[in-house]
Amino acid sequence: MTTITIWHNPRCSKSRQALALLEAAGVTPKVVKYLETPPTESELKTTLKKLQCTPMQLVRRGEAVFKTLGLSKDHSDQEWITAMVSNPILIERPVIISQDGAVIGRPPENVHLLLD
């Protein structure tokens, strides 16, 4: 069985729902509380490739730190990555990762895309 990892924020209802769906499917994921243990730059880059998205697409724009940093589409991918590593609250949640791919758990039912 493939190892599944979830970048989890227990305070987020979507993150809790995605974790519950994984567990209901018989999966015991590796739970990473990414706000306490942020991904490294390398982990983030690998996950972005699996998600098939740009760094800007993984950012939560409603967070106060987003406005404080003044991030915009004019910033480079590296600048977005550096911002997320330094401020993990910017990372959309939850992110569910397997060896073969990754999904953002919004909606939480996206976890099924990794399990099929």
C-alpha atoms as a PDB file:
ATOM      1  CA  MET A   1       0.000   0.000   0.000  1.00  0.00           C
ATOM      2  CA  THR A   2       1.179   3.463  -0.853  1.00  0.00           C
ATOM      3  CA  THR A   3       1.957   5.777   2.025  1.00  0.00           C
ATOM      4  CA  ILE A   4      -0.372   8.759   2.190  1.00  0.00           C
ATOM      5  CA  THR A   5       0.668  11.979   3.902  1.00  0.00           C
ATOM      6  CA  ILE A   6      -1.684  14.800   4.818  1.00  0.00           C
ATOM      7  CA  TRP A   7      -0.504  18.324   5.552  1.00  0.00           C
ATOM      8  CA  HIS A   8      -3.078  18.863   8.260  1.00  0.00           C
ATOM      9  CA  ASN A   9      -4.388  21.788  10.267  1.00  0.00           C
ATOM     10  CA  PRO A  10      -6.632  20.378  13.020  1.00  0.00           C
ATOM     11  CA  ARG A  11      -8.382  23.772  13.359  1.00  0.00           C
ATOM     12  CA  CYS A  12      -9.586  23.593   9.733  1.00  0.00           C
ATOM     13  CA  SER A  13     -12.890  21.815   9.098  1.00  0.00           C
ATOM     14  CA  LYS A  14     -11.913  20.835   5.526  1.00  0.00           C
ATOM     15  CA  SER A  15      -8.677  19.338   6.815  1.00  0.00           C
ATOM     16  CA  ARG A  16     -10.541  17.366   9.506  1.00  0.00           C
ATOM     17  CA  GLN A  17     -13.068  16.154   6.906  1.00  0.00           C
ATOM     18  CA  ALA A  18     -10.329  15.021   4.513  1.00  0.00           C
ATOM     19  CA  LEU A  19      -8.571  13.133   7.317  1.00  0.00           C
ATOM     20  CA  ALA A  20     -11.858  11.464   8.301  1.00  0.00           C
ATOM     21  CA  LEU A  21     -12.461  10.394   4.668  1.00  0.00           C
ATOM     22  CA  LEU A  22      -8.992   8.854   4.485  1.00  0.00           C
ATOM     23  CA  GLU A  23      -9.539   6.981   7.747  1.00  0.00           C
ATOM     24  CA  ALA A  24     -13.010   5.815   6.607  1.00  0.00           C
ATOM     25  CA  ALA A  25     -11.340   4.375   3.501  1.00  0.00           C
ATOM     26  CA  GLY A  26      -9.036   2.339   5.734  1.00  0.00           C
ATOM     27  CA  VAL A  27      -6.024   4.602   5.243  1.00  0.00           C
ATOM     28  CA  THR A  28      -3.852   5.550   8.191  1.00  0.00           C
ATOM     29  CA  PRO A  29      -2.055   8.577   6.789  1.00  0.00           C
ATOM     30  CA  LYS A  30       1.103  10.170   8.047  1.00  0.00           C
ATOM     31  CA  VAL A  31      -0.277  13.358   9.597  1.00  0.00           C
ATOM     32  CA  VAL A  32       2.010  16.372   9.335  1.00  0.00           C
ATOM     33  CA  LYS A  33       0.828  19.433  11.228  1.00  0.00           C
ATOM     34  CA  TYR A  34       2.407  21.711   8.664  1.00  0.00           C
ATOM     35  CA  LEU A  35       2.005  24.878  10.734  1.00  0.00           C
ATOM     36  CA  GLU A  36       4.263  23.316  13.391  1.00  0.00           C
ATOM     37  CA  THR A  37       6.505  21.428  10.948  1.00  0.00           C
ATOM     38  CA  PRO A  38       6.499  23.356   7.661  1.00  0.00           C
ATOM     39  CA  PRO A  39       7.590  21.618   4.480  1.00  0.00           C
ATOM     40  CA  THR A  40      11.119  22.294   3.310  1.00  0.00           C
ATOM     41  CA  GLU A  41      11.664  24.097   0.038  1.00  0.00           C
ATOM     42  CA  SER A  42      12.490  20.747  -1.578  1.00  0.00           C
ATOM     43  CA  GLU A  43       9.348  19.070  -0.184  1.00  0.00           C
ATOM     44  CA  LEU A  44       7.209  21.965  -1.368  1.00  0.00           C
ATOM     45  CA  LYS A  45       8.692  21.851  -4.886  1.00  0.00           C
ATOM     46  CA  THR A  46       8.149  18.076  -5.102  1.00  0.00           C
ATOM     47  CA  THR A  47       4.558  18.461  -3.925  1.00  0.00           C
ATOM     48  CA  LEU A  48       3.862  21.271  -6.395  1.00  0.00           C
ATOM     49  CA  LYS A  49       5.008  18.958  -9.213  1.00  0.00           C
ATOM     50  CA  LYS A  50       2.677  16.227  -7.937  1.00  0.00           C
ATOM     51  CA  LEU A  51      -0.181  18.735  -7.691  1.00  0.00           C
ATOM     52  CA  GLN A  52       0.620  19.984 -11.187  1.00  0.00           C
ATOM     53  CA  CYS A  53       0.122  23.548 -10.050  1.00  0.00           C
ATOM     54  CA  THR A  54       2.153  26.705  -9.679  1.00  0.00           C
ATOM     55  CA  PRO A  55       3.242  27.989  -6.282  1.00  0.00           C
ATOM     56  CA  MET A  56       0.844  30.921  -6.633  1.00  0.00           C
ATOM     57  CA  GLN A  57      -2.078  28.467  -7.045  1.00  0.00           C
ATOM     58  CA  LEU A  58      -1.282  26.856  -3.668  1.00  0.00           C
ATOM     59  CA  VAL A  59      -1.428  30.113  -1.699  1.00  0.00           C
ATOM     60  CA  ARG A  60      -4.274  31.150   0.572  1.00  0.00           C
ATOM     61  CA  ARG A  61      -4.854  34.750  -0.425  1.00  0.00           C
ATOM     62  CA  GLY A  62      -7.194  35.541   2.480  1.00  0.00           C
ATOM     63  CA  GLU A  63      -4.499  35.264   5.125  1.00  0.00           C
ATOM     64  CA  ALA A  64      -3.323  38.508   6.748  1.00  0.00           C
ATOM     65  CA  VAL A  65       0.316  37.641   6.061  1.00  0.00           C
ATOM     66  CA  PHE A  66      -0.496  37.503   2.328  1.00  0.00           C
ATOM     67  CA  LYS A  67      -1.463  41.164   2.422  1.00  0.00           C
ATOM     68  CA  THR A  68       1.458  42.044   4.713  1.00  0.00           C
ATOM     69  CA  LEU A  69       3.969  40.486   2.304  1.00  0.00           C
ATOM     70  CA  GLY A  70       2.433  42.307  -0.661  1.00  0.00           C
ATOM     71  CA  LEU A  71       2.537  39.189  -2.835  1.00  0.00           C
ATOM     72  CA  SER A  72       1.282  39.488  -6.399  1.00  0.00           C
ATOM     73  CA  LYS A  73       1.316  37.660  -9.730  1.00  0.00           C
ATOM     74  CA  ASP A  74       4.485  39.620 -10.517  1.00  0.00           C
ATOM     75  CA  HIS A  75       6.470  37.584  -7.964  1.00  0.00           C
ATOM     76  CA  SER A  76       8.550  34.653  -9.187  1.00  0.00           C
ATOM     77  CA  ASP A  77       7.762  31.023  -8.359  1.00  0.00           C
ATOM     78  CA  GLN A  78      10.811  31.020  -6.076  1.00  0.00           C
ATOM     79  CA  GLU A  79       9.508  34.054  -4.184  1.00  0.00           C
ATOM     80  CA  TRP A  80       6.151  32.318  -3.674  1.00  0.00           C
ATOM     81  CA  ILE A  81       7.908  29.151  -2.452  1.00  0.00           C
ATOM     82  CA  THR A  82      10.119  31.111  -0.062  1.00  0.00           C
ATOM     83  CA  ALA A  83       7.042  32.906   1.305  1.00  0.00           C
ATOM     84  CA  MET A  84       5.202  29.603   1.912  1.00  0.00           C
ATOM     85  CA  VAL A  85       8.178  27.929   3.598  1.00  0.00           C
ATOM     86  CA  SER A  86       8.650  30.966   5.867  1.00  0.00           C
ATOM     87  CA  ASN A  87       4.892  31.427   6.441  1.00  0.00           C
ATOM     88  CA  PRO A  88       3.218  27.998   6.195  1.00  0.00           C
ATOM     89  CA  ILE A  89      -0.169  29.544   7.009  1.00  0.00           C
ATOM     90  CA  LEU A  90      -0.103  30.638   3.345  1.00  0.00           C
ATOM     91  CA  ILE A  91      -0.286  27.016   2.125  1.00  0.00           C
ATOM     92  CA  GLU A  92      -3.763  25.934   1.049  1.00  0.00           C
ATOM     93  CA  ARG A  93      -5.036  23.112   3.207  1.00  0.00           C
ATOM     94  CA  PRO A  94      -5.200  20.264   3.412  1.00  0.00           C
ATOM     95  CA  VAL A  95      -2.716  18.790   0.959  1.00  0.00           C
ATOM     96  CA  ILE A  96      -2.852  15.014   0.587  1.00  0.00           C
ATOM     97  CA  ILE A  97       0.225  13.392  -0.940  1.00  0.00           C
ATOM     98  CA  SER A  98       0.993   9.895  -2.198  1.00  0.00           C
ATOM     99  CA  GLN A  99       4.002   8.510  -4.052  1.00  0.00           C
ATOM    100  CA  ASP A 100       2.180   8.980  -7.350  1.00  0.00           C
ATOM    101  CA  GLY A 101       0.387  12.281  -6.913  1.00  0.00           C
ATOM    102  CA  ALA A 102      -1.175  14.866  -4.659  1.00  0.00           C
ATOM    103  CA  VAL A 103      -4.449  16.741  -4.264  1.00  0.00           C
ATOM    104  CA  ILE A 104      -5.692  19.744  -2.377  1.00  0.00           C
ATOM    105  CA  GLY A 105      -8.525  18.610  -0.119  1.00  0.00           C
ATOM    106  CA  ARG A 106     -10.934  21.327  -1.200  1.00  0.00           C
ATOM    107  CA  PRO A 107     -13.429  19.820  -1.429  1.00  0.00           C
ATOM    108  CA  PRO A 108     -12.392  17.060   1.012  1.00  0.00           C
ATOM    109  CA  GLU A 109     -13.745  14.426  -1.406  1.00  0.00           C
ATOM    110  CA  ASN A 110     -10.677  15.092  -3.587  1.00  0.00           C
ATOM    111  CA  VAL A 111      -8.898  12.526  -1.412  1.00  0.00           C
ATOM    112  CA  HIS A 112     -10.710   9.844  -3.397  1.00  0.00           C
ATOM    113  CA  LEU A 113      -8.719  10.853  -6.474  1.00  0.00           C
ATOM    114  CA  LEU A 114      -5.600   9.465  -4.782  1.00  0.00           C
ATOM    115  CA  LEU A 115      -7.306   6.314  -3.559  1.00  0.00           C
ATOM    116  CA  ASP A 116      -8.891   5.162  -6.844  1.00  0.00           C
END
